[in-house]
C-alpha cells in the first residue's frame, strides 16, 4: 500500500503513548517546555500583618507525576515568606513577573518590602509596577515611593521593568476591598484583545518615567493590564 493512501487519525495526533519509553533527558526537556511565564501578583492578607500570598496558577508539571514535579521543583523556588508565614509562593526567577498592584497601597507596600529578602530582590529579573505608584496616586506617596525605589535598586539582576496601566472594565473600583482578585493579564493592544473600553495611549516610559529606571541595562516597557471579572 502506498504511504500516500494511509489515513492519519486525528485522535492519534493528540496522544503519545510512548512518552515513558523516551530517555529521561528527553522527558525532562519536555517538562521544561511546559514552564511558561506567569504574572505573579503578591496580595496582602487581610487577617495577618506581614503575611502575603499569590493566586497565580501553578505550573502544570507540578501535578502530572513524581518525575515532572521533581523537575519543576528545580526551577520554582518557594519564596516571599515572613517570620509569621513560611515561604509558600512558588516563583521561577528566569520566567515569572512579580506584579506590584496599587491595591497594596502605602502600608501594604511597606510591609511587602519589609519581608522580601535581599537574595529574593537580587534574583528578580522581571518586575511589573502599577502606573499609579509612579503618578502620585498613593496615600503618603513620598514614603511609599522611597521604599519602592530602594527595592528596585536592590534588584541587581533586573532585566525588565514593566509599567502597568490597569484598565477597569467593571463599575467597582479595582482597589475596592471586595473586588475579586482574579488573574491579571497584560497586553499592548486593547483592540486586538477585543476589550470593550477606550483607553489613553500607553506612555513613552523612557521619557515619562526616566527617573525610575534602576540601571542603564534595565529595559522599561508599558502595557495595559486587566482582569476578567
N, C-alpha and C. Protein backbone atom coordinates (compact mmCIF):
# COMPACT_ATOMS: atom_id res chain seq x y z
N UNK A 1 0.86 -1.20 0.00
CA UNK A 1 0.00 0.00 0.00
C UNK A 1 0.89 1.24 0.00
N UNK A 2 0.55 2.19 -0.84
CA UNK A 2 1.33 3.43 -0.90
C UNK A 2 1.14 4.24 0.38
N UNK A 3 2.24 4.88 0.83
CA UNK A 3 2.15 5.68 2.05
C UNK A 3 1.24 6.88 1.87
N UNK A 4 1.03 7.29 0.62
CA UNK A 4 0.18 8.46 0.38
C UNK A 4 -1.29 8.12 0.62
N UNK A 5 -1.61 6.83 0.68
CA UNK A 5 -3.00 6.43 0.89
C UNK A 5 -3.34 6.15 2.34
N UNK A 6 -2.32 6.26 3.24
CA UNK A 6 -2.56 5.97 4.64
C UNK A 6 -3.32 7.13 5.28
N UNK A 7 -4.38 6.82 5.99
CA UNK A 7 -5.16 7.84 6.69
C UNK A 7 -4.62 7.98 8.12
N UNK A 8 -4.47 9.23 8.57
CA UNK A 8 -3.99 9.50 9.91
C UNK A 8 -5.16 9.94 10.78
N UNK A 9 -5.39 9.22 11.84
CA UNK A 9 -6.50 9.53 12.73
C UNK A 9 -6.20 10.81 13.51
N UNK A 10 -7.15 11.77 13.54
CA UNK A 10 -6.96 12.98 14.34
C UNK A 10 -6.72 12.68 15.82
N UNK A 11 -7.33 11.60 16.32
CA UNK A 11 -7.14 11.21 17.70
C UNK A 11 -5.69 10.80 17.94
N UNK A 12 -5.13 10.09 16.97
CA UNK A 12 -3.75 9.65 17.10
C UNK A 12 -2.76 10.79 17.18
N UNK A 13 -3.09 11.93 16.59
CA UNK A 13 -2.21 13.10 16.63
C UNK A 13 -2.25 13.79 17.99
N UNK A 14 -3.22 13.47 18.81
CA UNK A 14 -3.38 14.14 20.10
C UNK A 14 -2.84 13.32 21.27
N UNK A 15 -2.39 12.09 21.02
CA UNK A 15 -1.92 11.22 22.09
C UNK A 15 -0.57 10.63 21.72
N UNK A 16 0.30 10.56 22.71
CA UNK A 16 1.61 9.93 22.51
C UNK A 16 1.81 8.97 23.67
N UNK A 17 1.67 7.70 23.39
CA UNK A 17 1.64 6.70 24.45
C UNK A 17 3.02 6.12 24.78
N UNK A 18 4.04 6.58 24.07
CA UNK A 18 5.38 6.04 24.29
C UNK A 18 6.28 6.99 25.08
N UNK A 19 5.69 7.99 25.70
CA UNK A 19 6.49 9.01 26.40
C UNK A 19 7.38 8.39 27.48
N UNK A 20 6.84 7.42 28.22
CA UNK A 20 7.61 6.80 29.31
C UNK A 20 8.83 6.04 28.81
N UNK A 21 8.85 5.71 27.51
CA UNK A 21 9.98 4.96 26.96
C UNK A 21 11.10 5.89 26.47
N UNK A 22 10.84 7.16 26.42
CA UNK A 22 11.87 8.11 26.00
C UNK A 22 12.98 8.16 27.04
N UNK A 23 14.20 8.49 26.63
CA UNK A 23 15.27 8.70 27.62
C UNK A 23 14.87 9.78 28.61
N UNK A 24 15.33 9.64 29.83
CA UNK A 24 14.96 10.59 30.87
C UNK A 24 15.32 12.02 30.50
N UNK A 25 16.45 12.20 29.81
CA UNK A 25 16.87 13.54 29.42
C UNK A 25 15.83 14.21 28.52
N UNK A 26 15.27 13.44 27.59
CA UNK A 26 14.25 13.98 26.69
C UNK A 26 12.95 14.28 27.45
N UNK A 27 12.61 13.40 28.37
CA UNK A 27 11.39 13.65 29.16
C UNK A 27 11.54 14.94 29.97
N UNK A 28 12.69 15.13 30.57
CA UNK A 28 12.91 16.34 31.37
C UNK A 28 12.89 17.60 30.50
N UNK A 29 13.45 17.49 29.29
CA UNK A 29 13.39 18.62 28.36
C UNK A 29 11.94 18.94 28.00
N UNK A 30 11.13 17.91 27.86
CA UNK A 30 9.72 18.12 27.54
C UNK A 30 9.01 18.83 28.69
N UNK A 31 9.28 18.41 29.92
CA UNK A 31 8.67 19.08 31.07
C UNK A 31 9.07 20.54 31.11
N UNK A 32 10.34 20.82 30.77
CA UNK A 32 10.81 22.21 30.79
C UNK A 32 10.06 23.09 29.80
N UNK A 33 9.63 22.49 28.67
CA UNK A 33 8.87 23.26 27.69
C UNK A 33 7.48 23.66 28.21
N UNK A 34 7.02 23.02 29.28
CA UNK A 34 5.72 23.37 29.85
C UNK A 34 5.82 24.55 30.82
N UNK A 35 7.03 24.97 31.15
CA UNK A 35 7.20 26.10 32.06
C UNK A 35 6.98 27.40 31.29
N UNK A 36 5.90 28.09 31.57
CA UNK A 36 5.53 29.32 30.86
C UNK A 36 5.62 30.52 31.78
N UNK A 37 5.92 31.69 31.24
CA UNK A 37 5.97 32.90 32.07
C UNK A 37 4.60 33.16 32.71
N UNK A 38 4.61 33.57 33.98
CA UNK A 38 3.38 33.88 34.70
C UNK A 38 3.46 35.27 35.29
N UNK A 39 2.32 35.90 35.46
CA UNK A 39 2.23 37.14 36.22
C UNK A 39 1.90 36.75 37.65
N UNK A 40 2.85 36.92 38.55
CA UNK A 40 2.66 36.53 39.95
C UNK A 40 2.39 37.79 40.77
N UNK A 41 1.13 37.98 41.09
CA UNK A 41 0.72 39.16 41.87
C UNK A 41 0.75 38.82 43.35
N UNK A 42 1.46 39.63 44.10
CA UNK A 42 1.55 39.42 45.54
C UNK A 42 0.44 40.19 46.24
N UNK A 43 -0.37 39.49 47.03
CA UNK A 43 -1.51 40.07 47.72
C UNK A 43 -1.29 40.05 49.22
N UNK A 44 -1.72 41.09 49.89
CA UNK A 44 -1.57 41.16 51.35
C UNK A 44 -2.76 40.48 52.02
N UNK A 45 -2.47 39.68 53.04
CA UNK A 45 -3.52 39.01 53.79
C UNK A 45 -4.32 40.04 54.59
N UNK A 46 -5.64 39.84 54.63
CA UNK A 46 -6.49 40.74 55.42
C UNK A 46 -6.47 40.37 56.90
N UNK A 47 -5.94 39.21 57.21
CA UNK A 47 -6.07 38.69 58.56
C UNK A 47 -4.76 38.69 59.35
N UNK A 48 -3.64 38.92 58.68
CA UNK A 48 -2.36 38.83 59.37
C UNK A 48 -1.37 39.81 58.77
N UNK A 49 -0.81 40.71 59.58
CA UNK A 49 0.21 41.62 59.11
C UNK A 49 1.44 40.84 58.66
N UNK A 50 2.13 41.40 57.69
CA UNK A 50 3.36 40.79 57.16
C UNK A 50 3.12 39.38 56.62
N UNK A 51 1.93 39.14 56.11
CA UNK A 51 1.60 37.86 55.51
C UNK A 51 1.09 38.11 54.10
N UNK A 52 1.69 37.43 53.12
CA UNK A 52 1.35 37.65 51.72
C UNK A 52 1.13 36.32 51.01
N UNK A 53 0.40 36.37 49.91
CA UNK A 53 0.12 35.16 49.15
C UNK A 53 -0.07 35.52 47.68
N UNK A 54 -0.21 34.52 46.84
CA UNK A 54 -0.45 34.74 45.42
C UNK A 54 -1.49 33.74 44.93
N UNK A 55 -2.28 34.17 43.95
CA UNK A 55 -3.27 33.29 43.33
C UNK A 55 -2.83 32.83 41.94
N UNK A 56 -1.56 33.03 41.61
CA UNK A 56 -1.06 32.63 40.29
C UNK A 56 -1.23 31.12 40.10
N UNK A 57 -1.61 30.73 38.89
CA UNK A 57 -1.79 29.32 38.57
C UNK A 57 -0.44 28.61 38.62
N UNK A 58 -0.40 27.45 39.26
CA UNK A 58 0.84 26.69 39.38
C UNK A 58 1.18 26.00 38.06
N UNK A 59 2.46 25.77 37.80
CA UNK A 59 2.86 25.05 36.58
C UNK A 59 2.22 23.66 36.53
N UNK A 60 1.75 23.28 35.35
CA UNK A 60 1.06 22.00 35.21
C UNK A 60 1.97 20.83 35.56
N UNK A 61 3.27 20.98 35.36
CA UNK A 61 4.21 19.88 35.64
C UNK A 61 4.21 19.49 37.11
N UNK A 62 3.78 20.36 37.98
CA UNK A 62 3.73 20.03 39.41
C UNK A 62 2.63 19.03 39.73
N UNK A 63 1.73 18.80 38.79
CA UNK A 63 0.56 17.96 39.07
C UNK A 63 0.51 16.67 38.24
N UNK A 64 1.46 16.45 37.33
CA UNK A 64 1.35 15.31 36.42
C UNK A 64 1.81 14.01 37.08
N UNK A 65 3.05 13.97 37.47
CA UNK A 65 3.57 12.77 38.14
C UNK A 65 4.79 13.14 38.97
N UNK A 66 5.37 12.17 39.61
CA UNK A 66 6.50 12.43 40.50
C UNK A 66 7.71 12.98 39.74
N UNK A 67 7.96 12.44 38.55
CA UNK A 67 9.11 12.90 37.78
C UNK A 67 8.94 14.36 37.35
N UNK A 68 7.76 14.71 36.85
CA UNK A 68 7.53 16.08 36.39
C UNK A 68 7.60 17.06 37.55
N UNK A 69 7.05 16.65 38.69
CA UNK A 69 7.07 17.52 39.87
C UNK A 69 8.50 17.75 40.35
N UNK A 70 9.29 16.69 40.36
CA UNK A 70 10.69 16.82 40.79
C UNK A 70 11.46 17.73 39.86
N UNK A 71 11.19 17.65 38.57
CA UNK A 71 11.86 18.52 37.60
C UNK A 71 11.43 19.97 37.78
N UNK A 72 10.14 20.20 38.00
CA UNK A 72 9.64 21.56 38.18
C UNK A 72 10.22 22.21 39.43
N UNK A 73 10.39 21.41 40.47
CA UNK A 73 10.90 21.95 41.73
C UNK A 73 12.34 22.44 41.62
N UNK A 74 13.04 22.05 40.57
CA UNK A 74 14.40 22.56 40.34
C UNK A 74 14.38 24.02 39.93
N UNK A 75 13.25 24.46 39.35
CA UNK A 75 13.17 25.80 38.78
C UNK A 75 12.23 26.74 39.52
N UNK A 76 11.34 26.19 40.33
CA UNK A 76 10.37 27.00 41.06
C UNK A 76 10.71 26.98 42.54
N UNK A 77 11.05 28.16 43.06
CA UNK A 77 11.50 28.30 44.43
C UNK A 77 10.38 28.83 45.31
N UNK A 78 10.21 28.26 46.49
CA UNK A 78 9.24 28.79 47.46
C UNK A 78 9.86 30.04 48.09
N UNK A 79 9.16 31.16 48.00
CA UNK A 79 9.75 32.41 48.47
C UNK A 79 8.67 33.38 48.96
N UNK A 80 9.11 34.61 49.29
CA UNK A 80 8.25 35.71 49.75
C UNK A 80 7.52 35.38 51.04
N UNK A 81 8.20 34.72 51.96
CA UNK A 81 7.62 34.44 53.27
C UNK A 81 8.06 35.47 54.30
N UNK A 82 7.64 35.27 55.54
CA UNK A 82 8.00 36.18 56.63
C UNK A 82 8.13 35.36 57.91
N UNK A 83 8.42 36.04 59.02
CA UNK A 83 8.54 35.32 60.29
C UNK A 83 7.19 34.80 60.76
N UNK A 84 6.09 35.31 60.20
CA UNK A 84 4.76 34.83 60.56
C UNK A 84 4.25 33.76 59.61
N UNK A 85 4.88 33.66 58.45
CA UNK A 85 4.38 32.74 57.43
C UNK A 85 5.55 32.19 56.63
N UNK A 86 5.62 30.88 56.45
CA UNK A 86 6.72 30.31 55.67
C UNK A 86 6.61 30.68 54.19
N UNK A 87 7.68 30.47 53.45
CA UNK A 87 7.67 30.74 52.01
C UNK A 87 6.74 29.75 51.32
N UNK A 88 5.66 30.25 50.72
CA UNK A 88 4.69 29.35 50.08
C UNK A 88 4.45 29.71 48.61
N UNK A 89 4.91 30.87 48.17
CA UNK A 89 4.70 31.29 46.79
C UNK A 89 5.80 30.70 45.91
N UNK A 90 5.41 29.87 44.94
CA UNK A 90 6.39 29.28 44.03
C UNK A 90 6.67 30.26 42.90
N UNK A 91 7.96 30.49 42.64
CA UNK A 91 8.36 31.53 41.69
C UNK A 91 9.56 31.06 40.89
N UNK A 92 9.48 31.26 39.56
CA UNK A 92 10.59 30.95 38.67
C UNK A 92 11.25 32.28 38.29
N UNK A 93 12.42 32.55 38.84
CA UNK A 93 13.08 33.84 38.63
C UNK A 93 13.46 34.08 37.17
N UNK A 94 13.61 33.02 36.38
CA UNK A 94 14.01 33.18 34.99
C UNK A 94 12.82 33.46 34.07
N UNK A 95 11.60 33.21 34.54
CA UNK A 95 10.43 33.36 33.68
C UNK A 95 9.36 34.29 34.24
N UNK A 96 9.08 34.19 35.53
CA UNK A 96 7.92 34.85 36.11
C UNK A 96 8.12 36.35 36.30
N UNK A 97 6.99 37.07 36.27
CA UNK A 97 6.96 38.51 36.50
C UNK A 97 6.33 38.78 37.86
N UNK A 98 7.03 39.47 38.73
CA UNK A 98 6.45 39.87 40.02
C UNK A 98 5.67 41.15 39.80
N UNK A 99 4.35 41.12 40.08
CA UNK A 99 3.49 42.29 39.86
C UNK A 99 3.13 42.95 41.17
N UNK A 100 3.40 44.25 41.25
CA UNK A 100 3.07 45.05 42.44
C UNK A 100 1.90 45.95 42.09
N UNK A 101 0.72 45.60 42.59
CA UNK A 101 -0.52 46.29 42.24
C UNK A 101 -0.79 47.44 43.20
N UNK A 102 -1.57 48.40 42.74
CA UNK A 102 -1.92 49.56 43.56
C UNK A 102 -2.76 49.15 44.76
N UNK A 103 -3.39 47.97 44.70
CA UNK A 103 -4.24 47.52 45.81
C UNK A 103 -3.45 47.39 47.11
N UNK A 104 -2.14 47.22 47.02
CA UNK A 104 -1.34 47.14 48.24
C UNK A 104 -1.34 48.46 49.00
N UNK A 105 -1.44 49.57 48.23
CA UNK A 105 -1.37 50.90 48.79
C UNK A 105 -0.09 51.09 49.62
N UNK A 106 -0.01 52.16 50.37
CA UNK A 106 1.24 52.51 51.05
C UNK A 106 1.63 51.52 52.14
N UNK A 107 0.68 51.15 53.00
CA UNK A 107 1.01 50.29 54.13
C UNK A 107 1.40 48.89 53.67
N UNK A 108 0.62 48.33 52.73
CA UNK A 108 0.93 47.00 52.23
C UNK A 108 2.25 46.96 51.49
N UNK A 109 2.54 48.01 50.75
CA UNK A 109 3.80 48.08 50.02
C UNK A 109 4.98 48.10 50.99
N UNK A 110 4.84 48.90 52.05
CA UNK A 110 5.90 48.98 53.05
C UNK A 110 6.12 47.62 53.72
N UNK A 111 5.04 46.91 54.05
CA UNK A 111 5.17 45.60 54.70
C UNK A 111 5.76 44.56 53.74
N UNK A 112 5.40 44.64 52.45
CA UNK A 112 5.95 43.70 51.48
C UNK A 112 7.46 43.85 51.37
N UNK A 113 7.94 45.07 51.26
CA UNK A 113 9.38 45.28 51.14
C UNK A 113 10.09 44.92 52.44
N UNK A 114 9.33 44.91 53.53
CA UNK A 114 9.92 44.52 54.80
C UNK A 114 10.19 43.03 54.91
N UNK A 115 9.45 42.21 54.14
CA UNK A 115 9.63 40.77 54.22
C UNK A 115 10.45 40.21 53.06
N UNK A 116 10.56 40.95 51.96
CA UNK A 116 11.36 40.46 50.84
C UNK A 116 12.83 40.42 51.23
N UNK A 117 13.43 39.29 51.05
CA UNK A 117 14.83 39.13 51.42
C UNK A 117 15.75 39.71 50.34
N UNK A 118 16.95 40.08 50.76
CA UNK A 118 17.91 40.67 49.84
C UNK A 118 18.20 39.74 48.66
N UNK A 119 18.32 38.43 48.94
CA UNK A 119 18.58 37.46 47.89
C UNK A 119 17.41 37.38 46.91
N UNK A 120 16.17 37.47 47.42
CA UNK A 120 14.99 37.43 46.56
C UNK A 120 14.96 38.64 45.64
N UNK A 121 15.20 39.83 46.19
CA UNK A 121 15.22 41.04 45.38
C UNK A 121 16.30 40.97 44.31
N UNK A 122 17.49 40.51 44.69
CA UNK A 122 18.61 40.45 43.75
C UNK A 122 18.37 39.43 42.65
N UNK A 123 17.51 38.43 42.90
CA UNK A 123 17.27 37.37 41.93
C UNK A 123 16.18 37.71 40.92
N UNK A 124 15.37 38.73 41.21
CA UNK A 124 14.27 39.09 40.32
C UNK A 124 14.81 39.60 38.98
N UNK A 125 14.22 39.10 37.89
CA UNK A 125 14.60 39.55 36.55
C UNK A 125 13.51 40.38 35.88
N UNK A 126 12.26 40.14 36.28
CA UNK A 126 11.13 40.84 35.67
C UNK A 126 10.18 41.32 36.77
N UNK A 127 9.92 42.62 36.80
CA UNK A 127 9.00 43.18 37.78
C UNK A 127 8.04 44.14 37.07
N UNK A 128 6.78 44.08 37.45
CA UNK A 128 5.76 44.96 36.90
C UNK A 128 5.19 45.81 38.03
N UNK A 129 5.03 47.11 37.77
CA UNK A 129 4.59 48.05 38.79
C UNK A 129 3.39 48.83 38.26
N UNK A 130 2.35 48.92 39.07
CA UNK A 130 1.18 49.71 38.70
C UNK A 130 1.59 51.16 38.45
N UNK A 131 1.10 51.71 37.36
CA UNK A 131 1.47 53.07 36.95
C UNK A 131 1.14 54.11 38.02
N UNK A 132 0.10 53.84 38.81
CA UNK A 132 -0.32 54.82 39.80
C UNK A 132 0.72 55.03 40.89
N UNK A 133 1.58 54.04 41.13
CA UNK A 133 2.66 54.24 42.09
C UNK A 133 3.63 55.31 41.59
N UNK A 134 3.70 55.45 40.28
CA UNK A 134 4.64 56.38 39.67
C UNK A 134 4.02 57.75 39.44
N UNK A 135 2.71 57.88 39.74
CA UNK A 135 1.98 59.10 39.40
C UNK A 135 1.30 59.77 40.59
N UNK A 136 1.89 59.70 41.76
CA UNK A 136 1.38 60.40 42.95
C UNK A 136 -0.04 59.99 43.32
N UNK A 137 -0.41 58.72 43.08
CA UNK A 137 -1.78 58.30 43.37
C UNK A 137 -1.88 57.48 44.65
N UNK A 138 -0.83 57.48 45.46
CA UNK A 138 -0.80 56.68 46.67
C UNK A 138 -0.79 57.59 47.89
N UNK A 139 -1.53 57.19 48.93
CA UNK A 139 -1.52 57.92 50.19
C UNK A 139 -0.09 57.91 50.75
N UNK A 140 0.34 59.05 51.29
CA UNK A 140 1.72 59.17 51.80
C UNK A 140 2.70 58.76 50.71
N UNK A 141 2.51 59.36 49.56
CA UNK A 141 3.22 58.97 48.34
C UNK A 141 4.73 58.97 48.51
N UNK A 142 5.29 60.00 49.09
CA UNK A 142 6.74 60.10 49.21
C UNK A 142 7.34 58.95 49.99
N UNK A 143 6.69 58.54 51.08
CA UNK A 143 7.17 57.44 51.92
C UNK A 143 7.14 56.13 51.16
N UNK A 144 6.04 55.89 50.44
CA UNK A 144 5.90 54.64 49.70
C UNK A 144 6.88 54.58 48.54
N UNK A 145 7.03 55.69 47.82
CA UNK A 145 7.87 55.71 46.65
C UNK A 145 9.34 55.55 47.01
N UNK A 146 9.75 56.12 48.13
CA UNK A 146 11.13 55.96 48.58
C UNK A 146 11.45 54.48 48.79
N UNK A 147 10.49 53.75 49.39
CA UNK A 147 10.68 52.32 49.62
C UNK A 147 10.71 51.54 48.32
N UNK A 148 9.86 51.93 47.37
CA UNK A 148 9.81 51.25 46.08
C UNK A 148 11.12 51.46 45.31
N UNK A 149 11.64 52.67 45.34
CA UNK A 149 12.89 52.95 44.63
C UNK A 149 14.06 52.19 45.25
N UNK A 150 14.07 52.09 46.57
CA UNK A 150 15.14 51.32 47.23
C UNK A 150 15.07 49.85 46.82
N UNK A 151 13.84 49.32 46.76
CA UNK A 151 13.67 47.93 46.38
C UNK A 151 14.13 47.69 44.94
N UNK A 152 13.80 48.61 44.04
CA UNK A 152 14.21 48.47 42.64
C UNK A 152 15.73 48.48 42.50
N UNK A 153 16.38 49.33 43.26
CA UNK A 153 17.84 49.38 43.20
C UNK A 153 18.47 48.11 43.75
N UNK A 154 17.76 47.44 44.65
CA UNK A 154 18.27 46.18 45.22
C UNK A 154 18.08 45.00 44.27
N UNK A 155 17.33 45.21 43.19
CA UNK A 155 17.11 44.15 42.21
C UNK A 155 18.27 44.14 41.22
N UNK A 156 19.39 43.61 41.66
CA UNK A 156 20.63 43.66 40.89
C UNK A 156 20.55 42.88 39.59
N UNK A 157 19.70 41.86 39.53
CA UNK A 157 19.59 41.04 38.32
C UNK A 157 18.45 41.45 37.41
N UNK A 158 17.81 42.60 37.68
CA UNK A 158 16.62 43.01 36.93
C UNK A 158 16.95 43.24 35.45
N UNK A 159 16.11 42.65 34.59
CA UNK A 159 16.25 42.83 33.14
C UNK A 159 15.18 43.75 32.57
N UNK A 160 13.96 43.68 33.15
CA UNK A 160 12.86 44.46 32.59
C UNK A 160 11.95 44.98 33.69
N UNK A 161 11.63 46.26 33.61
CA UNK A 161 10.64 46.88 34.49
C UNK A 161 9.43 47.25 33.64
N UNK A 162 8.28 46.68 33.99
CA UNK A 162 7.06 46.85 33.21
C UNK A 162 6.13 47.81 33.95
N UNK A 163 5.73 48.88 33.30
CA UNK A 163 4.79 49.83 33.87
C UNK A 163 3.38 49.45 33.40
N UNK A 164 2.48 49.20 34.34
CA UNK A 164 1.16 48.67 34.03
C UNK A 164 0.09 49.74 34.19
N UNK A 165 -0.61 50.02 33.11
CA UNK A 165 -1.79 50.89 33.16
C UNK A 165 -3.01 49.99 33.24
N UNK A 166 -3.53 49.81 34.45
CA UNK A 166 -4.62 48.85 34.63
C UNK A 166 -5.94 49.44 34.16
N UNK A 167 -6.71 48.64 33.43
CA UNK A 167 -7.99 49.04 32.87
C UNK A 167 -9.11 48.51 33.75
N UNK A 168 -10.03 49.39 34.09
CA UNK A 168 -11.20 48.97 34.85
C UNK A 168 -12.33 48.66 33.87
N UNK A 169 -12.76 47.41 33.85
CA UNK A 169 -13.82 47.04 32.90
C UNK A 169 -15.11 46.69 33.63
N UNK A 170 -15.21 47.08 34.91
CA UNK A 170 -16.46 46.95 35.62
C UNK A 170 -16.65 48.21 36.46
N UNK A 171 -17.79 48.35 37.11
CA UNK A 171 -18.11 49.59 37.81
C UNK A 171 -17.46 49.70 39.17
N UNK A 172 -16.97 48.60 39.72
CA UNK A 172 -16.38 48.64 41.06
C UNK A 172 -14.90 49.01 40.96
N UNK A 173 -14.43 49.98 41.74
CA UNK A 173 -13.02 50.36 41.70
C UNK A 173 -12.12 49.17 41.96
N UNK A 174 -11.00 49.10 41.26
CA UNK A 174 -10.15 47.93 41.36
C UNK A 174 -9.45 47.80 42.69
N UNK A 175 -9.34 48.89 43.48
CA UNK A 175 -8.72 48.76 44.80
C UNK A 175 -9.77 48.66 45.91
N UNK A 176 -11.04 48.41 45.51
CA UNK A 176 -12.09 48.18 46.49
C UNK A 176 -11.83 46.85 47.19
N UNK A 177 -12.00 46.78 48.53
CA UNK A 177 -11.66 45.55 49.25
C UNK A 177 -12.46 44.33 48.83
N UNK A 178 -13.63 44.53 48.24
CA UNK A 178 -14.45 43.39 47.85
C UNK A 178 -14.29 43.03 46.36
N UNK A 179 -13.40 43.73 45.65
CA UNK A 179 -13.16 43.39 44.26
C UNK A 179 -12.43 42.05 44.18
N UNK A 180 -12.95 41.09 43.43
CA UNK A 180 -12.27 39.79 43.33
C UNK A 180 -10.87 39.95 42.76
N UNK A 181 -9.91 39.30 43.37
CA UNK A 181 -8.53 39.38 42.89
C UNK A 181 -8.30 38.27 41.87
N UNK A 182 -8.90 38.44 40.70
CA UNK A 182 -8.76 37.43 39.67
C UNK A 182 -7.48 37.66 38.88
N UNK A 183 -7.16 36.71 38.05
CA UNK A 183 -5.90 36.72 37.33
C UNK A 183 -5.73 37.96 36.46
N UNK A 184 -4.56 38.57 36.56
CA UNK A 184 -4.23 39.75 35.76
C UNK A 184 -3.66 39.32 34.41
N UNK A 185 -4.00 40.06 33.38
CA UNK A 185 -3.44 39.83 32.05
C UNK A 185 -2.82 41.13 31.54
N UNK A 186 -1.78 40.99 30.72
CA UNK A 186 -1.10 42.15 30.13
C UNK A 186 -1.28 42.12 28.62
N UNK A 187 -1.34 43.30 28.01
CA UNK A 187 -1.32 43.41 26.55
C UNK A 187 -0.89 44.82 26.17
N UNK A 188 -0.54 45.02 24.92
CA UNK A 188 -0.18 46.35 24.42
C UNK A 188 -1.21 46.87 23.42
N UNK A 189 -2.21 46.05 23.10
CA UNK A 189 -3.20 46.42 22.10
C UNK A 189 -4.59 46.00 22.58
N UNK A 190 -5.37 46.96 23.11
CA UNK A 190 -6.70 46.61 23.62
C UNK A 190 -7.66 46.25 22.50
N UNK A 191 -7.46 46.82 21.30
CA UNK A 191 -8.33 46.49 20.18
C UNK A 191 -8.12 45.04 19.77
N UNK A 192 -6.87 44.63 19.68
CA UNK A 192 -6.58 43.26 19.32
C UNK A 192 -7.12 42.26 20.31
N UNK A 193 -7.20 42.67 21.60
CA UNK A 193 -7.73 41.79 22.63
C UNK A 193 -9.25 41.83 22.71
N UNK A 194 -9.87 42.77 21.96
CA UNK A 194 -11.33 42.86 21.95
C UNK A 194 -11.94 43.41 23.22
N UNK A 195 -11.19 44.25 23.95
CA UNK A 195 -11.71 44.80 25.20
C UNK A 195 -12.68 45.95 24.90
N UNK A 196 -13.83 45.97 25.59
CA UNK A 196 -14.87 46.97 25.31
C UNK A 196 -14.63 48.29 26.03
N UNK A 197 -13.44 48.86 25.88
CA UNK A 197 -13.13 50.10 26.58
C UNK A 197 -12.30 50.99 25.68
N UNK A 198 -12.37 52.30 25.99
CA UNK A 198 -11.49 53.26 25.33
C UNK A 198 -10.46 53.71 26.34
N UNK A 199 -9.21 53.65 25.98
CA UNK A 199 -8.15 53.97 26.91
C UNK A 199 -7.16 54.93 26.26
N UNK A 200 -6.43 55.62 27.12
CA UNK A 200 -5.38 56.50 26.63
C UNK A 200 -4.23 55.68 26.06
N UNK A 201 -3.50 56.29 25.18
CA UNK A 201 -2.33 55.63 24.60
C UNK A 201 -1.29 55.38 25.69
N UNK A 202 -0.61 54.29 25.59
CA UNK A 202 0.41 53.96 26.58
C UNK A 202 1.52 55.02 26.56
N UNK A 203 2.07 55.34 27.73
CA UNK A 203 3.09 56.38 27.79
C UNK A 203 4.43 55.91 27.22
N UNK A 204 5.25 56.87 26.83
CA UNK A 204 6.63 56.59 26.47
C UNK A 204 7.40 56.52 27.79
N UNK A 205 7.53 55.31 28.33
CA UNK A 205 8.09 55.18 29.67
C UNK A 205 9.53 55.64 29.74
N UNK A 206 10.23 55.57 28.62
CA UNK A 206 11.61 56.02 28.61
C UNK A 206 11.74 57.50 28.93
N UNK A 207 10.70 58.26 28.59
CA UNK A 207 10.69 59.70 28.87
C UNK A 207 9.89 60.02 30.13
N UNK A 208 8.67 59.46 30.21
CA UNK A 208 7.77 59.80 31.31
C UNK A 208 8.30 59.35 32.66
N UNK A 209 8.98 58.21 32.68
CA UNK A 209 9.44 57.65 33.96
C UNK A 209 10.94 57.38 33.93
N UNK A 210 11.65 58.26 33.29
CA UNK A 210 13.09 58.09 33.15
C UNK A 210 13.79 57.98 34.51
N UNK A 211 13.30 58.77 35.47
CA UNK A 211 13.92 58.76 36.79
C UNK A 211 13.71 57.48 37.57
N UNK A 212 12.83 56.62 37.07
CA UNK A 212 12.55 55.35 37.75
C UNK A 212 13.45 54.22 37.30
N UNK A 213 14.15 54.41 36.21
CA UNK A 213 14.97 53.33 35.67
C UNK A 213 16.09 53.02 36.65
N UNK A 214 16.11 51.80 37.22
CA UNK A 214 17.09 51.50 38.26
C UNK A 214 18.52 51.33 37.75
N UNK A 215 18.68 50.99 36.47
CA UNK A 215 20.02 50.82 35.90
C UNK A 215 19.91 50.96 34.38
N UNK A 216 21.01 51.32 33.74
CA UNK A 216 21.00 51.53 32.29
C UNK A 216 20.65 50.26 31.53
N UNK A 217 21.02 49.11 32.08
CA UNK A 217 20.79 47.84 31.39
C UNK A 217 19.35 47.36 31.48
N UNK A 218 18.54 47.99 32.31
CA UNK A 218 17.15 47.56 32.51
C UNK A 218 16.27 48.11 31.40
N UNK A 219 15.51 47.24 30.76
CA UNK A 219 14.56 47.65 29.75
C UNK A 219 13.26 48.07 30.42
N UNK A 220 12.70 49.20 29.98
CA UNK A 220 11.42 49.67 30.50
C UNK A 220 10.36 49.57 29.41
N UNK A 221 9.23 48.96 29.74
CA UNK A 221 8.14 48.81 28.79
C UNK A 221 6.83 49.19 29.48
N UNK A 222 5.80 49.47 28.66
CA UNK A 222 4.47 49.80 29.19
C UNK A 222 3.45 48.84 28.61
N UNK A 223 2.49 48.43 29.43
CA UNK A 223 1.43 47.53 28.99
C UNK A 223 0.12 47.94 29.62
N UNK A 224 -0.98 47.47 29.03
CA UNK A 224 -2.28 47.56 29.68
C UNK A 224 -2.47 46.31 30.53
N UNK A 225 -3.14 46.46 31.65
CA UNK A 225 -3.45 45.31 32.48
C UNK A 225 -4.94 45.28 32.77
N UNK A 226 -5.52 44.09 32.76
CA UNK A 226 -6.95 43.98 33.06
C UNK A 226 -7.26 42.63 33.66
N UNK A 227 -8.43 42.55 34.27
CA UNK A 227 -8.90 41.32 34.90
C UNK A 227 -10.26 40.96 34.31
N UNK A 228 -10.46 39.70 34.03
CA UNK A 228 -11.76 39.22 33.57
C UNK A 228 -12.63 38.90 34.78
N UNK A 229 -13.53 39.82 35.13
CA UNK A 229 -14.38 39.63 36.31
C UNK A 229 -15.67 38.91 35.95
